[in-house]
Amino acid sequence: MAASEIPACLPPRPVTPPREKLPPKACDTHAHVFGPADRFPYATDRSYTPPDAPLATYLGMLDALGFSRGVLVQGSAHGHDNSAMLDALQREPARLRGVAVADADVAAGTLRQWHVLGVRGLRFNHLFRAGQLHYRGGIPLGVAETHAAVMAELGWHLQLWIDVKDLPDTIPTLKALGLPVVVDHMGRTDAAAGINTEGFQSLLRAVGEGWCWAKLSGAHRLSQRAPDYPDARPFHEALVAANSERLVWGGDWPHPRVEGEMPDAGHLLTLFQEWTPEATTRHRILVDNPAKLYGFPN
């Protein structure tokens, strides 16, 4: 695809502070840094072109929302080149952790070097079915076996970008790897399907059993009913009821390749607070669980 044919993403909206002040050590566990493109070029075979969203802008977003910690996830616009994310981790070692991508050629020694910088997991993509969004630049799940032993040695997790309709068939593979699994965006299903599908119920069981984590993120990816996404709320509430000790929250800033209205990360955070009314549960999801999963000090 020619560069002129690659769709460009809208810039993120200015964020508004959440309704309630966040507790100390709160962590946004899902965001991306992109560019600046003149220093960290985008992959030529990318499926979207984001606006530059460099470290300084990202840190400003965290500050505006009240997060003292953040986790950067490698965005597919940079393909397999983790340089922008690794540079951010190196600049903010106390505040940030990362989830990288690694194809089968990445050496074990490289993974160990990334660990020193703050990487705590690798992200893999399940191949989405025809008619679903396709993100070029992702690493297929089959590569995870290559890195599983070193990931276990380092205490890393496997982050999985999957539509939960495909999760039941994937669970045997995930369990065989023997790694903690983190499923992106509440399973990235269509809110119109409801919570009683086989796929989402399999996610609830996996979270309930404790070997799988889920990110309470991406309400704007499940639902088209902006800005409050009421049909995404049942998915959130079902996951909280299943096992709040295996949940983390993320805003998905700067919201690349959004279908529909660009969300406000601050409003998404306010929705999290409204949908999670118990203060101790909110603290667990925003502070305790991320510290455990990403190795932040207590």
Protein backbone atom coordinates (compact mmCIF):
# COMPACT_ATOMS: atom_id res chain seq x y z
CA MET A 1 0.00 0.00 0.00
CA ALA A 2 1.36 3.43 -0.97
CA ALA A 3 1.89 5.90 1.85
CA SER A 4 -0.80 8.14 0.37
CA GLU A 5 -3.31 5.28 0.67
CA ILE A 6 -2.66 4.54 4.37
CA PRO A 7 -5.49 6.03 6.46
CA ALA A 8 -4.47 8.83 8.81
CA CYS A 9 -5.73 8.87 12.40
CA LEU A 10 -7.29 11.88 14.04
CA PRO A 11 -5.33 13.49 16.87
CA PRO A 12 -6.49 12.75 20.42
CA ARG A 13 -8.87 15.14 22.12
CA PRO A 14 -7.68 17.26 25.03
CA VAL A 15 -8.29 15.27 28.20
CA THR A 16 -10.52 16.40 31.04
CA PRO A 17 -9.70 15.49 34.65
CA PRO A 18 -11.70 12.54 36.03
CA ARG A 19 -14.60 13.17 38.37
CA GLU A 20 -12.69 11.81 41.38
CA LYS A 21 -9.02 12.35 42.17
CA LEU A 22 -6.90 9.24 41.65
CA PRO A 23 -5.07 7.52 44.50
CA PRO A 24 -1.28 7.74 44.73
CA LYS A 25 0.60 5.29 42.47
CA ALA A 26 -2.36 4.90 40.11
CA CYS A 27 -1.35 3.43 36.74
CA ASP A 28 -2.75 3.73 33.22
CA THR A 29 -1.73 0.38 31.75
CA HIS A 30 -2.45 0.92 28.06
CA ALA A 31 -1.20 3.79 25.93
CA HIS A 32 1.17 4.33 23.03
CA VAL A 33 3.90 6.75 22.03
CA PHE A 34 4.24 7.48 18.32
CA GLY A 35 7.15 9.30 16.78
CA PRO A 36 8.19 11.97 16.38
CA ALA A 37 8.37 10.50 12.88
CA ASP A 38 11.55 12.34 11.95
CA ARG A 39 13.33 10.47 14.77
CA PHE A 40 11.30 7.26 14.98
CA PRO A 41 9.90 6.59 11.49
CA TYR A 42 6.67 4.69 11.02
CA ALA A 43 6.72 1.27 9.36
CA THR A 44 6.26 1.38 5.62
CA ASP A 45 3.73 -1.48 5.74
CA ARG A 46 1.63 0.02 8.57
CA SER A 47 -2.17 -0.13 8.48
CA TYR A 48 -2.63 3.44 9.80
CA THR A 49 -0.65 6.64 10.25
CA PRO A 50 -1.02 8.14 13.72
CA PRO A 51 -0.33 11.75 14.58
CA ASP A 52 2.94 12.17 16.40
CA ALA A 53 2.31 11.40 20.08
CA PRO A 54 5.76 11.71 21.66
CA LEU A 55 6.80 11.11 25.25
CA ALA A 56 6.33 14.70 26.43
CA THR A 57 2.72 14.77 25.20
CA TYR A 58 2.01 11.39 26.75
CA LEU A 59 3.42 12.47 30.12
CA GLY A 60 1.27 15.58 29.94
CA MET A 61 -1.78 13.35 29.51
CA LEU A 62 -0.81 11.25 32.54
CA ASP A 63 -0.29 14.40 34.61
CA ALA A 64 -3.63 15.88 33.55
CA LEU A 65 -5.48 12.73 34.63
CA GLY A 66 -3.50 12.24 37.84
CA PHE A 67 -1.58 9.06 36.97
CA SER A 68 1.82 8.73 38.58
CA ARG A 69 2.59 5.58 36.56
CA GLY A 70 2.02 4.35 33.03
CA VAL A 71 2.52 1.35 30.76
CA LEU A 72 3.38 1.83 27.11
CA VAL A 73 2.33 -0.81 24.61
CA GLN A 74 4.14 -1.05 21.29
CA GLY A 75 1.86 0.35 18.59
CA SER A 76 1.67 -1.41 15.25
CA ALA A 77 2.36 1.82 13.33
CA HIS A 78 6.01 1.36 14.32
CA GLY A 79 5.93 -2.29 13.26
CA HIS A 80 8.55 -4.43 14.99
CA ASP A 81 10.77 -1.44 15.85
CA ASN A 82 10.32 -0.77 19.57
CA SER A 83 12.73 2.18 19.56
CA ALA A 84 10.24 4.93 20.43
CA MET A 85 8.84 2.96 23.37
CA LEU A 86 12.25 1.85 24.63
CA ASP A 87 13.52 5.43 24.46
CA ALA A 88 10.56 6.54 26.60
CA LEU A 89 11.26 3.82 29.18
CA GLN A 90 14.91 4.82 29.33
CA ARG A 91 13.95 8.45 29.95
CA GLU A 92 11.37 7.67 32.65
CA PRO A 93 12.57 4.47 34.37
CA ALA A 94 10.75 5.03 37.66
CA ARG A 95 7.44 6.02 36.14
CA LEU A 96 7.00 3.79 33.10
CA ARG A 97 6.93 0.14 32.10
CA GLY A 98 6.48 -1.34 28.64
CA VAL A 99 5.05 -4.16 26.56
CA ALA A 100 7.11 -4.81 23.43
CA VAL A 101 6.81 -6.91 20.28
CA ALA A 102 9.43 -9.42 19.21
CA ASP A 103 9.54 -11.64 16.16
CA ALA A 104 11.19 -15.04 16.25
CA ASP A 105 14.60 -13.61 15.35
CA VAL A 106 14.94 -11.48 18.50
CA ALA A 107 17.61 -12.99 20.72
CA ALA A 108 17.14 -13.92 24.37
CA GLY A 109 19.89 -11.47 25.29
CA THR A 110 17.92 -8.66 23.69
CA LEU A 111 14.86 -9.51 25.75
CA ARG A 112 16.99 -9.42 28.88
CA GLN A 113 18.29 -5.97 27.89
CA TRP A 114 14.72 -4.79 27.41
CA HIS A 115 13.86 -6.07 30.87
CA VAL A 116 16.50 -3.79 32.37
CA LEU A 117 14.84 -0.86 30.59
CA GLY A 118 11.41 -1.75 31.98
CA VAL A 119 9.74 -4.10 29.51
CA ARG A 120 7.51 -6.58 31.33
CA GLY A 121 5.71 -8.44 28.55
CA LEU A 122 5.36 -9.16 24.84
CA ARG A 123 2.28 -8.46 22.77
CA PHE A 124 0.95 -10.94 20.23
CA ASN A 125 -1.96 -10.75 17.80
CA HIS A 126 -4.43 -13.48 17.07
CA LEU A 127 -5.24 -13.45 13.36
CA PHE A 128 -8.61 -11.73 13.15
CA ARG A 129 -11.23 -13.25 10.90
CA ALA A 130 -12.33 -11.82 7.57
CA GLY A 131 -14.32 -8.63 8.03
CA GLN A 132 -12.56 -7.70 11.26
CA LEU A 133 -9.96 -4.98 11.62
CA HIS A 134 -6.51 -6.05 10.52
CA TYR A 135 -3.41 -4.47 12.01
CA ARG A 136 -0.25 -5.01 9.98
CA GLY A 137 2.92 -5.13 12.04
CA GLY A 138 1.67 -7.40 14.80
CA ILE A 139 3.40 -10.62 15.87
CA PRO A 140 1.31 -13.81 15.50
CA LEU A 141 0.66 -15.84 18.61
CA GLY A 142 2.60 -18.79 17.22
CA VAL A 143 5.87 -16.91 17.80
CA ALA A 144 5.25 -16.89 21.57
CA GLU A 145 6.60 -20.42 21.91
CA THR A 146 10.01 -19.18 20.73
CA HIS A 147 10.25 -16.70 23.61
CA ALA A 148 8.23 -18.47 26.32
CA ALA A 149 11.19 -19.82 28.32
CA VAL A 150 12.94 -16.45 28.55
CA MET A 151 9.64 -14.69 29.28
CA ALA A 152 9.06 -17.07 32.17
CA GLU A 153 12.62 -16.51 33.43
CA LEU A 154 12.04 -12.75 33.45
CA GLY A 155 8.56 -12.96 34.98
CA TRP A 156 6.94 -11.49 31.88
CA HIS A 157 3.38 -11.90 30.68
CA LEU A 158 1.88 -12.48 27.25
CA GLN A 159 -0.43 -9.69 26.11
CA LEU A 160 -2.98 -10.83 23.55
CA TRP A 161 -4.93 -8.75 21.04
CA ILE A 162 -7.84 -11.02 20.15
CA ASP A 163 -11.55 -11.01 19.49
CA VAL A 164 -12.98 -13.23 22.21
CA LYS A 165 -15.01 -15.21 19.71
CA ASP A 166 -11.67 -16.86 18.92
CA LEU A 167 -10.59 -17.30 22.54
CA PRO A 168 -12.11 -20.74 23.27
CA ASP A 169 -10.05 -22.34 20.49
CA THR A 170 -6.93 -20.46 21.65
CA ILE A 171 -7.05 -21.31 25.36
CA PRO A 172 -5.25 -24.70 25.05
CA THR A 173 -2.33 -22.97 23.33
CA LEU A 174 -2.21 -20.23 25.96
CA LYS A 175 -2.28 -22.69 28.85
CA ALA A 176 0.46 -24.79 27.26
CA LEU A 177 2.77 -21.77 27.20
CA GLY A 178 2.47 -21.51 30.98
CA LEU A 179 2.66 -17.70 31.07
CA PRO A 180 0.31 -15.14 32.60
CA VAL A 181 -1.96 -13.86 29.83
CA VAL A 182 -3.37 -10.34 29.54
CA VAL A 183 -6.28 -9.89 27.12
CA ASP A 184 -6.62 -6.44 25.60
CA HIS A 185 -9.73 -4.27 25.62
CA MET A 186 -12.17 -6.62 27.41
CA GLY A 187 -11.79 -9.06 24.52
CA ARG A 188 -12.45 -6.57 21.72
CA THR A 189 -15.90 -7.90 20.94
CA ASP A 190 -18.97 -6.12 19.59
CA ALA A 191 -21.06 -4.80 22.48
CA ALA A 192 -24.20 -5.60 20.50
CA ALA A 193 -23.42 -9.31 20.91
CA GLY A 194 -23.89 -9.08 24.68
CA ILE A 195 -22.00 -10.80 27.46
CA ASN A 196 -23.47 -14.30 27.06
CA THR A 197 -21.48 -15.33 24.00
CA GLU A 198 -19.24 -18.40 24.27
CA GLY A 199 -16.18 -16.24 23.71
CA PHE A 200 -16.82 -13.66 26.42
CA GLN A 201 -17.92 -16.32 28.88
CA SER A 202 -14.62 -18.11 28.26
CA LEU A 203 -12.79 -14.88 29.12
CA LEU A 204 -14.77 -14.58 32.35
CA ARG A 205 -13.84 -18.13 33.32
CA ALA A 206 -10.17 -17.56 32.51
CA VAL A 207 -10.08 -14.38 34.59
CA GLY A 208 -11.97 -16.12 37.38
CA GLU A 209 -9.46 -18.99 37.40
CA GLY A 210 -6.65 -16.46 37.83
CA TRP A 211 -4.28 -17.44 35.00
CA CYS A 212 -5.62 -14.72 32.74
CA TRP A 213 -5.87 -10.95 33.21
CA ALA A 214 -8.06 -8.51 31.30
CA LYS A 215 -7.72 -4.84 30.59
CA LEU A 216 -10.76 -2.75 31.43
CA SER A 217 -10.05 -0.65 28.37
CA GLY A 218 -11.47 -0.02 24.95
CA ALA A 219 -15.11 0.72 25.77
CA HIS A 220 -14.93 2.95 22.70
CA ARG A 221 -13.81 -0.06 20.66
CA LEU A 222 -16.67 -2.29 21.81
CA SER A 223 -19.40 0.31 21.50
CA GLN A 224 -20.39 2.99 19.00
CA ARG A 225 -22.63 4.76 21.52
CA ALA A 226 -20.33 7.65 22.39
CA PRO A 227 -19.56 9.28 24.70
CA ASP A 228 -20.88 7.07 27.55
CA TYR A 229 -20.82 3.65 25.81
CA PRO A 230 -23.63 2.21 27.95
CA ASP A 231 -23.67 -1.11 26.08
CA ALA A 232 -20.00 -1.67 27.06
CA ARG A 233 -20.78 -1.36 30.76
CA PRO A 234 -22.11 -4.93 31.22
CA PHE A 235 -18.76 -6.32 29.97
CA HIS A 236 -16.89 -4.20 32.51
CA GLU A 237 -19.19 -5.19 35.37
CA ALA A 238 -19.05 -8.89 34.50
CA LEU A 239 -15.24 -8.85 34.56
CA VAL A 240 -15.16 -7.03 37.91
CA ALA A 241 -17.57 -9.61 39.32
CA ALA A 242 -15.46 -12.47 37.93
CA ASN A 243 -12.18 -11.51 39.65
CA SER A 244 -11.14 -7.94 40.39
CA GLU A 245 -7.63 -9.16 41.32
CA ARG A 246 -6.92 -9.90 37.66
CA LEU A 247 -7.97 -6.58 36.13
CA VAL A 248 -6.13 -3.39 35.16
CA TRP A 249 -7.34 -0.19 33.49
CA GLY A 250 -6.05 1.61 30.42
CA GLY A 251 -7.17 4.61 28.39
CA ASP A 252 -5.70 3.50 25.03
CA TRP A 253 -4.38 7.04 24.38
CA PRO A 254 -3.95 8.43 21.70
CA HIS A 255 -6.71 6.08 20.50
CA PRO A 256 -5.25 4.98 17.15
CA ARG A 257 -7.58 3.81 14.42
CA VAL A 258 -10.78 4.54 16.30
CA GLU A 259 -14.01 3.67 14.55
CA GLY A 260 -16.41 6.49 15.30
CA GLU A 261 -16.06 9.45 17.63
CA MET A 262 -12.66 10.19 19.19
CA PRO A 263 -12.96 9.59 22.94
CA ASP A 264 -11.68 11.74 25.80
CA ALA A 265 -9.37 9.65 27.99
CA GLY A 266 -10.48 11.61 31.04
CA HIS A 267 -14.11 10.80 30.38
CA LEU A 268 -13.23 7.13 29.90
CA LEU A 269 -11.61 7.26 33.33
CA THR A 270 -14.70 8.87 34.84
CA LEU A 271 -16.77 6.05 33.33
CA PHE A 272 -14.43 3.55 35.01
CA GLN A 273 -15.07 5.27 38.34
CA GLU A 274 -18.83 5.22 37.79
CA TRP A 275 -18.86 1.59 36.66
CA THR A 276 -16.67 0.50 39.60
CA PRO A 277 -18.47 2.07 42.57
CA GLU A 278 -16.51 0.36 45.36
CA ALA A 279 -13.43 2.38 46.34
CA THR A 280 -11.38 -0.63 47.42
CA THR A 281 -11.99 -2.32 44.07
CA ARG A 282 -10.99 0.82 42.18
CA HIS A 283 -7.79 1.02 44.21
CA ARG A 284 -7.03 -2.64 43.51
CA ILE A 285 -7.45 -2.17 39.75
CA LEU A 286 -5.62 1.16 39.48
CA VAL A 287 -2.80 0.63 42.00
CA ASP A 288 -2.32 -2.86 43.46
CA ASN A 289 -2.82 -4.98 40.35
CA PRO A 290 -0.58 -2.92 38.03
CA ALA A 291 2.18 -2.90 40.65
CA LYS A 292 2.05 -6.70 40.72
CA LEU A 293 1.77 -7.25 36.98
CA TYR A 294 4.36 -4.71 35.84
CA GLY A 295 6.79 -4.82 38.76
CA PHE A 296 6.35 -1.36 40.18
CA PRO A 297 7.50 -0.94 43.79
CA ASN A 298 4.72 -0.89 46.38
